[in-house]
N, C-alpha and C. Protein backbone atom coordinates (compact mmCIF):
# COMPACT_ATOMS: atom_id res chain seq x y z
N MET A 1 243.57 -5.63 33.28
CA MET A 1 242.64 -5.34 34.34
C MET A 1 242.72 -3.86 34.68
N ILE A 2 241.69 -3.36 35.30
CA ILE A 2 241.62 -1.96 35.67
C ILE A 2 241.70 -1.86 37.18
N VAL A 3 242.58 -0.98 37.66
CA VAL A 3 242.80 -0.81 39.09
C VAL A 3 242.62 0.66 39.43
N LYS A 4 241.89 0.93 40.51
CA LYS A 4 241.75 2.31 40.96
C LYS A 4 242.84 2.62 41.97
N ARG A 5 243.58 3.69 41.70
CA ARG A 5 244.62 4.13 42.61
C ARG A 5 244.35 5.58 42.99
N LYS A 6 245.20 6.10 43.81
CA LYS A 6 245.04 7.45 44.33
C LYS A 6 244.92 8.50 43.22
N ASP A 7 245.73 8.35 42.17
CA ASP A 7 245.75 9.35 41.09
C ASP A 7 244.80 9.04 39.95
N GLY A 8 244.03 7.96 40.02
CA GLY A 8 243.07 7.64 38.98
C GLY A 8 243.06 6.16 38.66
N TYR A 9 242.48 5.83 37.53
CA TYR A 9 242.37 4.43 37.09
C TYR A 9 243.56 4.08 36.20
N HIS A 10 244.10 2.89 36.41
CA HIS A 10 245.23 2.39 35.63
C HIS A 10 244.85 1.09 34.95
N VAL A 11 245.36 0.88 33.74
CA VAL A 11 245.19 -0.38 33.03
C VAL A 11 246.48 -1.17 33.22
N LEU A 12 246.35 -2.37 33.77
CA LEU A 12 247.51 -3.21 34.05
C LEU A 12 247.39 -4.54 33.33
N SER A 13 248.54 -5.12 32.99
CA SER A 13 248.53 -6.47 32.47
C SER A 13 248.32 -7.44 33.63
N GLU A 14 248.16 -8.72 33.31
CA GLU A 14 247.96 -9.70 34.37
C GLU A 14 249.20 -9.83 35.25
N LYS A 15 250.37 -9.52 34.68
CA LYS A 15 251.61 -9.59 35.45
C LYS A 15 251.89 -8.29 36.21
N GLY A 16 251.06 -7.28 36.01
CA GLY A 16 251.19 -6.04 36.77
C GLY A 16 251.87 -4.90 36.05
N LYS A 17 252.20 -5.08 34.77
CA LYS A 17 252.84 -4.00 34.02
C LYS A 17 251.81 -2.93 33.65
N ASN A 18 252.24 -1.68 33.70
CA ASN A 18 251.35 -0.58 33.38
C ASN A 18 251.15 -0.50 31.87
N MET A 19 249.88 -0.47 31.43
CA MET A 19 249.58 -0.40 30.01
C MET A 19 248.79 0.86 29.68
N GLY A 20 248.75 1.79 30.61
CA GLY A 20 248.07 3.05 30.38
C GLY A 20 247.53 3.63 31.66
N GLY A 21 247.49 4.94 31.68
CA GLY A 21 246.92 5.60 32.83
C GLY A 21 247.87 6.62 33.39
N PRO A 22 247.45 7.40 34.31
CA PRO A 22 246.15 7.36 34.97
C PRO A 22 245.05 8.02 34.14
N TYR A 23 243.85 7.49 34.26
CA TYR A 23 242.68 8.06 33.61
C TYR A 23 241.72 8.57 34.68
N LYS A 24 241.03 9.65 34.38
CA LYS A 24 240.12 10.25 35.37
C LYS A 24 238.88 9.40 35.61
N THR A 25 238.38 8.73 34.55
CA THR A 25 237.17 7.94 34.70
C THR A 25 237.43 6.49 34.34
N ARG A 26 236.59 5.62 34.86
CA ARG A 26 236.69 4.19 34.54
C ARG A 26 236.39 3.94 33.07
N GLU A 27 235.50 4.75 32.49
CA GLU A 27 235.14 4.58 31.08
C GLU A 27 236.37 4.79 30.19
N GLU A 28 237.19 5.79 30.50
CA GLU A 28 238.40 6.02 29.72
C GLU A 28 239.36 4.84 29.84
N ALA A 29 239.48 4.28 31.04
CA ALA A 29 240.34 3.12 31.24
C ALA A 29 239.82 1.91 30.49
N GLU A 30 238.49 1.72 30.47
CA GLU A 30 237.91 0.60 29.74
C GLU A 30 238.14 0.75 28.24
N LYS A 31 238.10 1.97 27.74
CA LYS A 31 238.37 2.21 26.32
C LYS A 31 239.80 1.80 25.98
N ARG A 32 240.76 2.16 26.83
CA ARG A 32 242.15 1.79 26.61
C ARG A 32 242.32 0.28 26.69
N LEU A 33 241.63 -0.37 27.61
CA LEU A 33 241.73 -1.82 27.74
C LEU A 33 241.21 -2.51 26.48
N ARG A 34 240.12 -1.98 25.90
CA ARG A 34 239.62 -2.54 24.64
C ARG A 34 240.65 -2.38 23.53
N GLN A 35 241.35 -1.24 23.48
CA GLN A 35 242.39 -1.03 22.47
C GLN A 35 243.50 -2.05 22.63
N VAL A 36 243.94 -2.29 23.85
CA VAL A 36 245.01 -3.25 24.12
C VAL A 36 244.59 -4.64 23.68
N GLU A 37 243.38 -5.05 24.05
CA GLU A 37 242.89 -6.38 23.68
C GLU A 37 242.76 -6.53 22.17
N TYR A 38 242.33 -5.48 21.49
CA TYR A 38 242.21 -5.52 20.04
C TYR A 38 243.57 -5.78 19.40
N PHE A 39 244.57 -5.03 19.80
CA PHE A 39 245.88 -5.18 19.17
C PHE A 39 246.59 -6.46 19.57
N LYS A 40 246.19 -7.09 20.66
CA LYS A 40 246.74 -8.39 21.02
C LYS A 40 246.30 -9.46 20.04
N HIS A 41 245.08 -9.29 19.46
CA HIS A 41 244.50 -10.36 18.65
C HIS A 41 244.41 -10.05 17.17
N VAL A 42 244.75 -8.84 16.75
CA VAL A 42 244.64 -8.48 15.34
C VAL A 42 245.75 -9.18 14.55
N LYS A 43 245.41 -9.66 13.39
CA LYS A 43 246.40 -10.32 12.53
C LYS A 43 246.96 -9.30 11.55
N ARG A 44 248.25 -9.33 11.37
CA ARG A 44 248.88 -8.39 10.43
C ARG A 44 249.40 -9.13 9.23
């Protein structure tokens, strides 16, 4: 999920762990969230 905080947008897991950030724009945070979701489901 994406959360807006004082220093910018942060990407957090459902349990609240930081997975990236701070980002200046929501678009940058959404890009990182897509990367995280991709690597969660990619088969190696």
